[in-house]
Amino acid sequence: MRLLFHIAHSPFARRTRLALAHKGVSVELRDVRAQSEHFTESRGLSPLKTVPVLVEEDGRVIGDSTAICHYLDRAYPSATPLWPADPGEALRVFELTSLVDVALTGAVDYGVRLHALRTADAWPAVKGEGLERIQRALDAVGQRVAALTGPTVCAGGWSAADMWLVTAERWFSSLPERAERVPAAAQVLALGWRLPPELSRWALQHRDRPDVRALEH
């Protein structure tokens, strides 16, 4: 049995699920927030102590969404690659995925992991620097997707970059609604970042894809 330990709303887990679907690789989902035993099990599987965590049928384990997606291209090469071989497209994909990760990681760090330090004297300066980095990455993403001439980042269709973009946009855009019941979402929202409208417009055209819609269930 192949397993994916995940968190339902996590963009890191969601892009991994899209990558698995793209590769035609089926998994049993185990939400670590829905069941405490799944959380305990996942923590013992990978030294990273994060999710997602993929457990192969033979028991091999790999954590981190980016590492998992690189692994999937090599372990399951029959499907269209997640990471393009063409140098020009590879540059575009790697740049966009890196920008998305800067924005997401910064938002989680300053909104959640470091939130307890908000009363420290240095916090305004540290938070200001972090927010600037988050917004710079988001703005660059907006500029890049606005310049695309097709519906996907690569001419050949869906790639890792599209998965990173779709799941990040959904996570950021859902925070206002989730903030009403999830304190961590409210904390991230309170940082004051702005989601580029170009990114939201681009993501809208992919919202009805079956694999994207499946993320909500």
N, C-alpha and C. Protein backbone atom coordinates (compact mmCIF):
# COMPACT_ATOMS: atom_id res chain seq x y z
N MET A 1 0.84 -1.19 0.00
CA MET A 1 0.00 0.00 0.00
C MET A 1 0.88 1.25 0.00
N ARG A 2 0.65 2.13 -0.95
CA ARG A 2 1.40 3.39 -1.04
C ARG A 2 0.63 4.45 -0.26
N LEU A 3 1.33 5.21 0.58
CA LEU A 3 0.68 6.16 1.48
C LEU A 3 1.20 7.57 1.24
N LEU A 4 0.32 8.55 1.46
CA LEU A 4 0.76 9.94 1.50
C LEU A 4 0.20 10.56 2.77
N PHE A 5 1.08 10.91 3.68
CA PHE A 5 0.70 11.66 4.87
C PHE A 5 0.64 13.13 4.48
N HIS A 6 -0.46 13.79 4.80
CA HIS A 6 -0.67 15.14 4.29
C HIS A 6 -1.52 15.94 5.26
N ILE A 7 -1.70 17.24 4.91
CA ILE A 7 -2.65 18.13 5.57
C ILE A 7 -3.57 18.65 4.47
N ALA A 8 -4.85 18.57 4.68
CA ALA A 8 -5.82 18.83 3.61
C ALA A 8 -5.64 20.17 2.92
N HIS A 9 -5.38 21.24 3.68
CA HIS A 9 -5.30 22.58 3.09
C HIS A 9 -3.87 23.01 2.75
N SER A 10 -2.90 22.19 3.05
CA SER A 10 -1.51 22.57 2.82
C SER A 10 -1.19 22.65 1.32
N PRO A 11 -0.66 23.77 0.84
CA PRO A 11 -0.28 23.86 -0.57
C PRO A 11 0.85 22.91 -0.91
N PHE A 12 1.70 22.60 0.06
CA PHE A 12 2.81 21.67 -0.18
C PHE A 12 2.27 20.26 -0.40
N ALA A 13 1.29 19.87 0.39
CA ALA A 13 0.67 18.55 0.22
C ALA A 13 -0.19 18.51 -1.05
N ARG A 14 -0.88 19.59 -1.31
CA ARG A 14 -1.77 19.61 -2.47
C ARG A 14 -1.01 19.52 -3.78
N ARG A 15 0.12 20.19 -3.87
CA ARG A 15 0.88 20.08 -5.13
C ARG A 15 1.47 18.68 -5.28
N THR A 16 1.77 18.03 -4.17
CA THR A 16 2.23 16.65 -4.23
C THR A 16 1.12 15.74 -4.74
N ARG A 17 -0.10 15.98 -4.28
CA ARG A 17 -1.24 15.19 -4.76
C ARG A 17 -1.46 15.41 -6.26
N LEU A 18 -1.30 16.65 -6.73
CA LEU A 18 -1.43 16.91 -8.16
C LEU A 18 -0.35 16.19 -8.95
N ALA A 19 0.86 16.17 -8.41
CA ALA A 19 1.96 15.49 -9.08
C ALA A 19 1.71 13.99 -9.16
N LEU A 20 1.21 13.40 -8.08
CA LEU A 20 0.89 11.97 -8.07
C LEU A 20 -0.20 11.66 -9.10
N ALA A 21 -1.22 12.51 -9.16
CA ALA A 21 -2.30 12.31 -10.13
C ALA A 21 -1.76 12.42 -11.55
N HIS A 22 -0.88 13.38 -11.78
CA HIS A 22 -0.27 13.59 -13.09
C HIS A 22 0.50 12.36 -13.53
N LYS A 23 1.16 11.72 -12.59
CA LYS A 23 1.96 10.54 -12.88
C LYS A 23 1.14 9.25 -12.88
N GLY A 24 -0.14 9.36 -12.51
CA GLY A 24 -0.97 8.18 -12.46
C GLY A 24 -0.64 7.25 -11.32
N VAL A 25 -0.12 7.82 -10.23
CA VAL A 25 0.30 7.03 -9.07
C VAL A 25 -0.77 7.17 -7.98
N SER A 26 -1.40 6.07 -7.61
CA SER A 26 -2.44 6.11 -6.60
C SER A 26 -1.85 5.97 -5.20
N VAL A 27 -2.46 6.65 -4.24
CA VAL A 27 -2.01 6.60 -2.85
C VAL A 27 -3.22 6.55 -1.93
N GLU A 28 -3.00 6.06 -0.74
CA GLU A 28 -3.98 6.21 0.33
C GLU A 28 -3.61 7.46 1.11
N LEU A 29 -4.54 8.39 1.25
CA LEU A 29 -4.28 9.64 1.95
C LEU A 29 -4.48 9.46 3.45
N ARG A 30 -3.54 10.00 4.21
CA ARG A 30 -3.66 9.99 5.66
C ARG A 30 -3.43 11.40 6.17
N ASP A 31 -4.51 12.05 6.58
CA ASP A 31 -4.46 13.44 7.04
C ASP A 31 -3.97 13.47 8.49
N VAL A 32 -2.83 14.10 8.71
CA VAL A 32 -2.22 14.09 10.05
C VAL A 32 -2.95 15.01 11.02
N ARG A 33 -3.79 15.89 10.52
CA ARG A 33 -4.56 16.75 11.42
C ARG A 33 -5.91 16.13 11.74
N ALA A 34 -6.39 15.28 10.86
CA ALA A 34 -7.69 14.66 11.09
C ALA A 34 -7.60 13.54 12.11
N GLN A 35 -6.46 12.84 12.15
CA GLN A 35 -6.31 11.72 13.07
C GLN A 35 -4.93 11.78 13.74
N SER A 36 -4.93 11.81 15.05
CA SER A 36 -3.67 11.98 15.80
C SER A 36 -2.69 10.85 15.56
N GLU A 37 -3.20 9.63 15.33
CA GLU A 37 -2.29 8.52 15.10
C GLU A 37 -1.53 8.67 13.78
N HIS A 38 -2.16 9.33 12.80
CA HIS A 38 -1.45 9.59 11.55
C HIS A 38 -0.33 10.60 11.76
N PHE A 39 -0.58 11.60 12.60
CA PHE A 39 0.46 12.59 12.92
C PHE A 39 1.64 11.90 13.59
N THR A 40 1.36 11.07 14.59
CA THR A 40 2.42 10.37 15.31
C THR A 40 3.22 9.48 14.36
N GLU A 41 2.51 8.77 13.49
CA GLU A 41 3.19 7.88 12.54
C GLU A 41 4.08 8.66 11.57
N SER A 42 3.56 9.77 11.06
CA SER A 42 4.32 10.55 10.09
C SER A 42 5.59 11.12 10.70
N ARG A 43 5.53 11.51 11.97
CA ARG A 43 6.69 12.09 12.64
C ARG A 43 7.82 11.08 12.80
N GLY A 44 7.46 9.81 12.83
CA GLY A 44 8.48 8.78 12.97
C GLY A 44 9.05 8.29 11.66
N LEU A 45 8.49 8.77 10.55
CA LEU A 45 8.91 8.26 9.25
C LEU A 45 10.08 9.03 8.63
N SER A 46 10.09 10.35 8.81
CA SER A 46 11.08 11.19 8.15
C SER A 46 11.76 12.11 9.15
N PRO A 47 13.07 12.28 9.05
CA PRO A 47 13.77 13.20 9.96
C PRO A 47 13.37 14.65 9.76
N LEU A 48 12.71 14.96 8.65
CA LEU A 48 12.28 16.33 8.40
C LEU A 48 11.16 16.75 9.35
N LYS A 49 10.37 15.78 9.82
CA LYS A 49 9.26 16.06 10.73
C LYS A 49 8.23 17.01 10.12
N THR A 50 8.06 16.92 8.82
CA THR A 50 7.08 17.74 8.11
C THR A 50 6.24 16.83 7.22
N VAL A 51 5.16 17.37 6.69
CA VAL A 51 4.37 16.68 5.67
C VAL A 51 4.32 17.59 4.43
N PRO A 52 4.19 16.98 3.25
CA PRO A 52 3.83 15.60 3.00
C PRO A 52 4.99 14.61 3.17
N VAL A 53 4.61 13.35 3.40
CA VAL A 53 5.55 12.25 3.42
C VAL A 53 4.97 11.14 2.55
N LEU A 54 5.75 10.69 1.59
CA LEU A 54 5.33 9.60 0.71
C LEU A 54 5.99 8.31 1.16
N VAL A 55 5.18 7.28 1.34
CA VAL A 55 5.69 5.95 1.68
C VAL A 55 5.37 5.01 0.52
N GLU A 56 6.41 4.51 -0.13
CA GLU A 56 6.22 3.62 -1.26
C GLU A 56 5.76 2.24 -0.79
N GLU A 57 5.30 1.43 -1.74
CA GLU A 57 4.77 0.12 -1.42
C GLU A 57 5.81 -0.80 -0.79
N ASP A 58 7.08 -0.55 -1.12
CA ASP A 58 8.14 -1.38 -0.54
C ASP A 58 8.67 -0.81 0.78
N GLY A 59 8.03 0.27 1.27
CA GLY A 59 8.41 0.83 2.55
C GLY A 59 9.37 1.99 2.49
N ARG A 60 9.90 2.29 1.31
CA ARG A 60 10.80 3.44 1.19
C ARG A 60 10.03 4.73 1.47
N VAL A 61 10.72 5.69 2.09
CA VAL A 61 10.07 6.93 2.54
C VAL A 61 10.81 8.14 1.98
N ILE A 62 10.05 9.13 1.54
CA ILE A 62 10.65 10.40 1.13
C ILE A 62 9.73 11.54 1.56
N GLY A 63 10.30 12.57 2.16
CA GLY A 63 9.56 13.75 2.58
C GLY A 63 9.92 14.95 1.74
N ASP A 64 9.21 16.06 1.95
CA ASP A 64 9.39 17.34 1.26
C ASP A 64 8.77 17.27 -0.13
N SER A 65 7.84 18.17 -0.40
CA SER A 65 7.09 18.13 -1.65
C SER A 65 7.97 18.26 -2.88
N THR A 66 8.97 19.13 -2.83
CA THR A 66 9.86 19.29 -3.99
C THR A 66 10.66 18.03 -4.24
N ALA A 67 11.20 17.45 -3.19
CA ALA A 67 11.97 16.21 -3.34
C ALA A 67 11.08 15.09 -3.86
N ILE A 68 9.85 15.01 -3.33
CA ILE A 68 8.93 13.97 -3.79
C ILE A 68 8.66 14.12 -5.28
N CYS A 69 8.43 15.34 -5.74
CA CYS A 69 8.11 15.56 -7.15
C CYS A 69 9.29 15.28 -8.06
N HIS A 70 10.51 15.57 -7.62
CA HIS A 70 11.68 15.18 -8.41
C HIS A 70 11.80 13.66 -8.44
N TYR A 71 11.55 13.02 -7.32
CA TYR A 71 11.61 11.57 -7.26
C TYR A 71 10.59 10.93 -8.20
N LEU A 72 9.37 11.47 -8.24
CA LEU A 72 8.32 10.89 -9.07
C LEU A 72 8.71 10.88 -10.55
N ASP A 73 9.40 11.90 -11.01
CA ASP A 73 9.83 11.93 -12.41
C ASP A 73 10.78 10.78 -12.72
N ARG A 74 11.59 10.40 -11.76
CA ARG A 74 12.57 9.35 -11.99
C ARG A 74 12.00 7.96 -11.73
N ALA A 75 11.11 7.87 -10.75
CA ALA A 75 10.54 6.57 -10.41
C ALA A 75 9.42 6.16 -11.37
N TYR A 76 8.73 7.17 -11.95
CA TYR A 76 7.60 6.89 -12.83
C TYR A 76 7.75 7.72 -14.11
N PRO A 77 8.68 7.33 -14.97
CA PRO A 77 9.02 8.16 -16.13
C PRO A 77 8.05 8.06 -17.30
N SER A 78 7.06 7.17 -17.24
CA SER A 78 6.20 6.97 -18.41
C SER A 78 5.26 8.15 -18.65
N ALA A 79 4.86 8.85 -17.60
CA ALA A 79 3.97 10.01 -17.76
C ALA A 79 4.77 11.24 -18.15
N THR A 80 4.06 12.25 -18.63
CA THR A 80 4.72 13.51 -18.99
C THR A 80 5.51 14.04 -17.80
N PRO A 81 6.75 14.48 -18.02
CA PRO A 81 7.58 14.93 -16.90
C PRO A 81 6.97 16.12 -16.15
N LEU A 82 7.22 16.15 -14.87
CA LEU A 82 6.85 17.30 -14.05
C LEU A 82 7.83 18.44 -14.26
N TRP A 83 9.07 18.07 -14.52
CA TRP A 83 10.16 19.03 -14.67
C TRP A 83 10.68 18.93 -16.10
N PRO A 84 10.55 19.98 -16.92
CA PRO A 84 10.92 19.90 -18.34
C PRO A 84 12.42 19.77 -18.55
N ALA A 85 12.78 19.14 -19.66
CA ALA A 85 14.19 18.97 -20.02
C ALA A 85 14.72 20.16 -20.81
N ASP A 86 13.83 20.83 -21.54
CA ASP A 86 14.26 21.98 -22.33
C ASP A 86 14.82 23.07 -21.42
N PRO A 87 16.03 23.58 -21.70
CA PRO A 87 16.66 24.56 -20.79
C PRO A 87 15.82 25.81 -20.57
N GLY A 88 15.21 26.33 -21.63
CA GLY A 88 14.41 27.54 -21.47
C GLY A 88 13.19 27.31 -20.60
N GLU A 89 12.49 26.20 -20.84
CA GLU A 89 11.32 25.90 -20.01
C GLU A 89 11.72 25.53 -18.60
N ALA A 90 12.84 24.82 -18.47
CA ALA A 90 13.32 24.46 -17.13
C ALA A 90 13.64 25.70 -16.31
N LEU A 91 14.26 26.68 -16.93
CA LEU A 91 14.57 27.92 -16.22
C LEU A 91 13.29 28.59 -15.72
N ARG A 92 12.28 28.64 -16.59
CA ARG A 92 11.01 29.27 -16.21
C ARG A 92 10.33 28.51 -15.07
N VAL A 93 10.33 27.18 -15.17
CA VAL A 93 9.69 26.35 -14.14
C VAL A 93 10.42 26.46 -12.81
N PHE A 94 11.75 26.36 -12.84
CA PHE A 94 12.51 26.42 -11.59
C PHE A 94 12.40 27.81 -10.95
N GLU A 95 12.38 28.85 -11.77
CA GLU A 95 12.26 30.19 -11.19
C GLU A 95 10.90 30.36 -10.52
N LEU A 96 9.84 29.94 -11.20
CA LEU A 96 8.49 30.12 -10.64
C LEU A 96 8.30 29.29 -9.38
N THR A 97 8.76 28.04 -9.38
CA THR A 97 8.60 27.22 -8.18
C THR A 97 9.39 27.80 -7.02
N SER A 98 10.56 28.37 -7.31
CA SER A 98 11.36 28.99 -6.25
C SER A 98 10.67 30.23 -5.69
N LEU A 99 10.10 31.05 -6.56
CA LEU A 99 9.39 32.24 -6.10
C LEU A 99 8.18 31.87 -5.25
N VAL A 100 7.43 30.87 -5.68
CA VAL A 100 6.28 30.41 -4.90
C VAL A 100 6.73 29.94 -3.53
N ASP A 101 7.83 29.21 -3.48
CA ASP A 101 8.29 28.69 -2.18
C ASP A 101 8.77 29.81 -1.26
N VAL A 102 9.38 30.85 -1.81
CA VAL A 102 9.77 31.99 -0.98
C VAL A 102 8.54 32.62 -0.36
N ALA A 103 7.49 32.82 -1.16
CA ALA A 103 6.27 33.45 -0.65
C ALA A 103 5.57 32.56 0.38
N LEU A 104 5.42 31.29 0.08
CA LEU A 104 4.72 30.39 0.99
C LEU A 104 5.49 30.19 2.30
N THR A 105 6.77 29.90 2.17
CA THR A 105 7.57 29.65 3.37
C THR A 105 7.64 30.89 4.24
N GLY A 106 7.77 32.05 3.62
CA GLY A 106 7.80 33.29 4.38
C GLY A 106 6.50 33.53 5.11
N ALA A 107 5.38 33.30 4.43
CA ALA A 107 4.08 33.51 5.05
C ALA A 107 3.87 32.58 6.24
N VAL A 108 4.26 31.31 6.09
CA VAL A 108 4.11 30.35 7.18
C VAL A 108 5.07 30.68 8.32
N ASP A 109 6.30 31.04 7.98
CA ASP A 109 7.28 31.35 9.03
C ASP A 109 6.85 32.55 9.86
N TYR A 110 6.54 33.66 9.20
CA TYR A 110 6.24 34.89 9.92
C TYR A 110 4.82 34.90 10.49
N GLY A 111 3.91 34.14 9.86
CA GLY A 111 2.55 34.12 10.35
C GLY A 111 2.27 33.04 11.38
N VAL A 112 3.09 31.99 11.39
CA VAL A 112 2.80 30.86 12.28
C VAL A 112 4.00 30.51 13.15
N ARG A 113 5.09 30.07 12.54
CA ARG A 113 6.21 29.54 13.32
C ARG A 113 6.86 30.58 14.22
N LEU A 114 6.95 31.81 13.74
CA LEU A 114 7.61 32.87 14.52
C LEU A 114 6.62 33.79 15.22
N HIS A 115 5.35 33.45 15.15
CA HIS A 115 4.32 34.34 15.68
C HIS A 115 4.49 34.62 17.17
N ALA A 116 5.00 33.65 17.90
CA ALA A 116 5.17 33.82 19.35
C ALA A 116 6.20 34.89 19.70
N LEU A 117 7.01 35.29 18.73
CA LEU A 117 8.05 36.30 18.97
C LEU A 117 7.56 37.72 18.68
N ARG A 118 6.27 37.89 18.42
CA ARG A 118 5.76 39.18 17.97
C ARG A 118 5.89 40.29 19.01
N THR A 119 6.10 39.95 20.28
CA THR A 119 6.25 40.98 21.31
C THR A 119 7.70 41.40 21.50
N ALA A 120 8.62 40.76 20.81
CA ALA A 120 10.04 41.11 20.92
C ALA A 120 10.30 42.47 20.28
N ASP A 121 11.27 43.19 20.82
CA ASP A 121 11.59 44.53 20.31
C ASP A 121 11.99 44.51 18.84
N ALA A 122 12.67 43.45 18.43
CA ALA A 122 13.16 43.38 17.06
C ALA A 122 12.10 42.93 16.06
N TRP A 123 10.92 42.53 16.57
CA TRP A 123 9.91 41.95 15.69
C TRP A 123 9.48 42.87 14.55
N PRO A 124 9.18 44.15 14.76
CA PRO A 124 8.73 44.98 13.64
C PRO A 124 9.73 45.01 12.49
N ALA A 125 11.01 45.10 12.80
CA ALA A 125 12.01 45.13 11.74
C ALA A 125 12.12 43.78 11.04
N VAL A 126 12.12 42.72 11.83
CA VAL A 126 12.23 41.37 11.26
C VAL A 126 11.01 41.05 10.41
N LYS A 127 9.82 41.36 10.94
CA LYS A 127 8.60 41.12 10.19
C LYS A 127 8.57 41.96 8.91
N GLY A 128 9.00 43.21 9.00
CA GLY A 128 9.01 44.08 7.82
C GLY A 128 9.89 43.54 6.72
N GLU A 129 11.05 43.02 7.10
CA GLU A 129 11.96 42.44 6.10
C GLU A 129 11.34 41.19 5.49
N GLY A 130 10.72 40.36 6.33
CA GLY A 130 10.08 39.15 5.83
C GLY A 130 8.93 39.45 4.90
N LEU A 131 8.09 40.43 5.27
CA LEU A 131 6.95 40.79 4.43
C LEU A 131 7.42 41.34 3.08
N GLU A 132 8.49 42.11 3.10
CA GLU A 132 9.03 42.63 1.84
C GLU A 132 9.45 41.50 0.92
N ARG A 133 10.08 40.47 1.49
CA ARG A 133 10.52 39.33 0.69
C ARG A 133 9.32 38.56 0.13
N ILE A 134 8.30 38.37 0.98
CA ILE A 134 7.08 37.67 0.53
C ILE A 134 6.44 38.43 -0.63
N GLN A 135 6.27 39.74 -0.44
CA GLN A 135 5.57 40.53 -1.46
C GLN A 135 6.38 40.62 -2.74
N ARG A 136 7.69 40.71 -2.61
CA ARG A 136 8.54 40.77 -3.81
C ARG A 136 8.38 39.48 -4.62
N ALA A 137 8.33 38.34 -3.94
CA ALA A 137 8.16 37.07 -4.63
C ALA A 137 6.78 36.97 -5.27
N LEU A 138 5.73 37.39 -4.55
CA LEU A 138 4.38 37.34 -5.11
C LEU A 138 4.25 38.26 -6.32
N ASP A 139 4.80 39.44 -6.23
CA ASP A 139 4.72 40.37 -7.35
C ASP A 139 5.45 39.82 -8.58
N ALA A 140 6.60 39.18 -8.36
CA ALA A 140 7.34 38.59 -9.47
C ALA A 140 6.55 37.46 -10.11
N VAL A 141 5.87 36.66 -9.29
CA VAL A 141 5.02 35.60 -9.82
C VAL A 141 3.92 36.21 -10.68
N GLY A 142 3.28 37.26 -10.19
CA GLY A 142 2.23 37.92 -10.96
C GLY A 142 2.74 38.41 -12.31
N GLN A 143 3.93 38.99 -12.32
CA GLN A 143 4.52 39.47 -13.57
C GLN A 143 4.80 38.33 -14.53
N ARG A 144 5.32 37.23 -14.00
CA ARG A 144 5.68 36.08 -14.86
C ARG A 144 4.44 35.46 -15.48
N VAL A 145 3.37 35.26 -14.70
CA VAL A 145 2.19 34.61 -15.27
C VAL A 145 1.47 35.55 -16.23
N ALA A 146 1.54 36.86 -15.99
CA ALA A 146 0.92 37.82 -16.91
C ALA A 146 1.60 37.78 -18.27
N ALA A 147 2.86 37.39 -18.30
CA ALA A 147 3.61 37.36 -19.55
C ALA A 147 3.46 36.04 -20.31
N LEU A 148 2.80 35.07 -19.72
CA LEU A 148 2.63 33.77 -20.40
C LEU A 148 1.74 33.94 -21.63
N THR A 149 2.07 33.21 -22.68
CA THR A 149 1.29 33.30 -23.92
C THR A 149 0.28 32.16 -24.05
N GLY A 150 0.31 31.24 -23.11
CA GLY A 150 -0.62 30.12 -23.12
C GLY A 150 -1.18 29.87 -21.74
N PRO A 151 -2.04 28.87 -21.60
CA PRO A 151 -2.66 28.60 -20.30
C PRO A 151 -1.74 27.93 -19.29
N THR A 152 -0.63 27.37 -19.76
CA THR A 152 0.30 26.69 -18.87
C THR A 152 1.69 27.29 -19.01
N VAL A 153 2.52 27.02 -18.02
CA VAL A 153 3.88 27.59 -18.01
C VAL A 153 4.71 27.04 -19.15
N CYS A 154 4.57 25.75 -19.43
CA CYS A 154 5.30 25.10 -20.51
C CYS A 154 4.38 24.87 -21.71
N ALA A 155 4.94 24.93 -22.90
CA ALA A 155 4.14 24.77 -24.11
C ALA A 155 3.50 23.38 -24.17
N GLY A 156 4.15 22.39 -23.59
CA GLY A 156 3.64 21.03 -23.64
C GLY A 156 2.52 20.74 -22.67
N GLY A 157 2.20 21.69 -21.80
CA GLY A 157 1.09 21.50 -20.86
C GLY A 157 1.53 21.52 -19.42
N TRP A 158 0.71 20.93 -18.57
CA TRP A 158 0.84 20.89 -17.11
C TRP A 158 2.23 20.49 -16.67
N SER A 159 2.80 21.24 -15.75
CA SER A 159 4.13 20.94 -15.20
C SER A 159 4.12 21.25 -13.71
N ALA A 160 5.24 20.99 -13.05
CA ALA A 160 5.35 21.29 -11.62
C ALA A 160 5.05 22.76 -11.35
N ALA A 161 5.46 23.66 -12.24
CA ALA A 161 5.23 25.08 -12.00
C ALA A 161 3.74 25.39 -11.91
N ASP A 162 2.93 24.80 -12.79
CA ASP A 162 1.49 25.02 -12.74
C ASP A 162 0.90 24.52 -11.43
N MET A 163 1.39 23.37 -10.97
CA MET A 163 0.91 22.81 -9.70
C MET A 163 1.27 23.70 -8.53
N TRP A 164 2.49 24.21 -8.52
CA TRP A 164 2.93 25.14 -7.46
C TRP A 164 2.05 26.39 -7.47
N LEU A 165 1.80 26.94 -8.67
CA LEU A 165 1.04 28.18 -8.78
C LEU A 165 -0.42 27.99 -8.37
N VAL A 166 -1.06 26.96 -8.86
CA VAL A 166 -2.48 26.73 -8.57
C VAL A 166 -2.70 26.53 -7.08
N THR A 167 -1.87 25.71 -6.45
CA THR A 167 -2.09 25.40 -5.03
C THR A 167 -1.71 26.58 -4.13
N ALA A 168 -0.70 27.34 -4.52
CA ALA A 168 -0.34 28.53 -3.74
C ALA A 168 -1.43 29.58 -3.83
N GLU A 169 -1.94 29.81 -5.04
CA GLU A 169 -3.00 30.81 -5.20
C GLU A 169 -4.23 30.43 -4.39
N ARG A 170 -4.58 29.14 -4.42
CA ARG A 170 -5.75 28.69 -3.67
C ARG A 170 -5.54 28.88 -2.17
N TRP A 171 -4.34 28.58 -1.68
CA TRP A 171 -4.06 28.72 -0.25
C TRP A 171 -4.15 30.18 0.18
N PHE A 172 -3.48 31.07 -0.56
CA PHE A 172 -3.52 32.49 -0.21
C PHE A 172 -4.94 33.06 -0.32
N SER A 173 -5.64 32.72 -1.40
CA SER A 173 -6.97 33.30 -1.61
C SER A 173 -8.01 32.76 -0.64
N SER A 174 -7.77 31.58 -0.06
CA SER A 174 -8.74 31.01 0.88
C SER A 174 -8.53 31.49 2.30
N LEU A 175 -7.44 32.17 2.57
CA LEU A 175 -7.15 32.58 3.95
C LEU A 175 -8.21 33.49 4.56
N PRO A 176 -8.76 34.47 3.85
CA PRO A 176 -9.79 35.33 4.47
C PRO A 176 -10.97 34.52 5.01
N GLU A 177 -11.44 33.53 4.24
CA GLU A 177 -12.57 32.72 4.70
C GLU A 177 -12.15 31.81 5.85
N ARG A 178 -10.98 31.22 5.77
CA ARG A 178 -10.52 30.29 6.80
C ARG A 178 -10.13 31.03 8.09
N ALA A 179 -9.77 32.31 7.97
CA ALA A 179 -9.34 33.08 9.14
C ALA A 179 -10.44 33.21 10.18
N GLU A 180 -11.70 33.06 9.77
CA GLU A 180 -12.81 33.17 10.70
C GLU A 180 -12.84 32.03 11.72
N ARG A 181 -12.21 30.91 11.38
CA ARG A 181 -12.26 29.76 12.29
C ARG A 181 -10.89 29.14 12.59
N VAL A 182 -9.85 29.61 11.89
CA VAL A 182 -8.51 29.04 12.08
C VAL A 182 -7.55 30.16 12.49
N PRO A 183 -7.11 30.20 13.73
CA PRO A 183 -6.23 31.28 14.20
C PRO A 183 -4.96 31.44 13.37
N ALA A 184 -4.35 30.33 12.96
CA ALA A 184 -3.12 30.42 12.17
C ALA A 184 -3.36 31.12 10.83
N ALA A 185 -4.51 30.86 10.22
CA ALA A 185 -4.85 31.54 8.97
C ALA A 185 -5.02 33.03 9.19
N ALA A 186 -5.63 33.41 10.30
CA ALA A 186 -5.80 34.83 10.63
C ALA A 186 -4.45 35.51 10.83
N GLN A 187 -3.52 34.79 11.44
CA GLN A 187 -2.19 35.36 11.68
C GLN A 187 -1.44 35.59 10.37
N VAL A 188 -1.53 34.65 9.45
CA VAL A 188 -0.88 34.82 8.14
C VAL A 188 -1.53 35.97 7.39
N LEU A 189 -2.84 36.05 7.44
CA LEU A 189 -3.57 37.11 6.74
C LEU A 189 -3.18 38.48 7.30
N ALA A 190 -2.95 38.56 8.60
CA ALA A 190 -2.64 39.83 9.25
C ALA A 190 -1.26 40.37 8.89
N LEU A 191 -0.44 39.58 8.24
CA LEU A 191 0.88 40.07 7.84
C LEU A 191 0.78 41.25 6.88
N GLY A 192 -0.26 41.22 6.03
CA GLY A 192 -0.49 42.37 5.15
C GLY A 192 0.00 42.22 3.73
N TRP A 193 0.27 41.00 3.27
CA TRP A 193 0.69 40.78 1.89
C TRP A 193 -0.50 41.01 0.94
N ARG A 194 -0.20 41.15 -0.34
CA ARG A 194 -1.23 41.35 -1.36
C ARG A 194 -1.07 40.26 -2.44
N LEU A 195 -2.15 39.58 -2.75
CA LEU A 195 -2.11 38.55 -3.78
C LEU A 195 -2.27 39.21 -5.15
N PRO A 196 -1.33 39.00 -6.07
CA PRO A 196 -1.43 39.66 -7.38
C PRO A 196 -2.68 39.21 -8.14
N PRO A 197 -3.46 40.12 -8.65
CA PRO A 197 -4.66 39.73 -9.41
C PRO A 197 -4.31 38.92 -10.65
N GLU A 198 -3.11 39.14 -11.20
CA GLU A 198 -2.70 38.38 -12.38
C GLU A 198 -2.63 36.89 -12.07
N LEU A 199 -2.16 36.56 -10.87
CA LEU A 199 -2.07 35.16 -10.47
C LEU A 199 -3.46 34.56 -10.30
N SER A 200 -4.35 35.30 -9.68
CA SER A 200 -5.71 34.79 -9.48
C SER A 200 -6.43 34.59 -10.81
N ARG A 201 -6.24 35.51 -11.75
CA ARG A 201 -6.87 35.35 -13.07
C ARG A 201 -6.31 34.13 -13.78
N TRP A 202 -5.01 33.94 -13.69
CA TRP A 202 -4.39 32.79 -14.34
C TRP A 202 -4.90 31.48 -13.71
N ALA A 203 -4.97 31.42 -12.39
CA ALA A 203 -5.38 30.20 -11.70
C ALA A 203 -6.83 29.84 -11.99
N LEU A 204 -7.66 30.83 -12.24
CA LEU A 204 -9.09 30.60 -12.44
C LEU A 204 -9.35 29.65 -13.59
N GLN A 205 -8.52 29.71 -14.63
CA GLN A 205 -8.75 28.86 -15.80
C GLN A 205 -8.46 27.38 -15.53
N HIS A 206 -7.81 27.10 -14.40
CA HIS A 206 -7.48 25.72 -14.07
C HIS A 206 -8.35 25.16 -12.94
N ARG A 207 -9.26 25.95 -12.42
CA ARG A 207 -10.00 25.56 -11.23
C ARG A 207 -10.93 24.38 -11.46
N ASP A 208 -11.38 24.18 -12.70
CA ASP A 208 -12.32 23.09 -12.98
C ASP A 208 -11.63 21.82 -13.49
N ARG A 209 -10.30 21.80 -13.47
CA ARG A 209 -9.62 20.55 -13.80
C ARG A 209 -10.03 19.47 -12.78
N PRO A 210 -10.29 18.25 -13.22
CA PRO A 210 -10.69 17.20 -12.28
C PRO A 210 -9.70 16.98 -11.14
N ASP A 211 -8.39 17.04 -11.45
CA ASP A 211 -7.40 16.80 -10.39
C ASP A 211 -7.36 17.95 -9.40
N VAL A 212 -7.61 19.16 -9.88
CA VAL A 212 -7.65 20.32 -8.98
C VAL A 212 -8.91 20.28 -8.11
N ARG A 213 -10.03 19.95 -8.72
CA ARG A 213 -11.28 19.86 -7.96
C ARG A 213 -11.23 18.75 -6.92
N ALA A 214 -10.49 17.70 -7.22
CA ALA A 214 -10.38 16.57 -6.27
C ALA A 214 -9.67 16.98 -4.98
N LEU A 215 -8.89 18.04 -5.02
CA LEU A 215 -8.18 18.48 -3.83
C LEU A 215 -9.12 18.95 -2.73
N GLU A 216 -10.33 19.31 -3.09
CA GLU A 216 -11.30 19.81 -2.12
C GLU A 216 -12.02 18.67 -1.38
N HIS A 217 -11.70 17.43 -1.75
CA HIS A 217 -12.41 16.29 -1.16
C HIS A 217 -11.41 15.34 -0.49
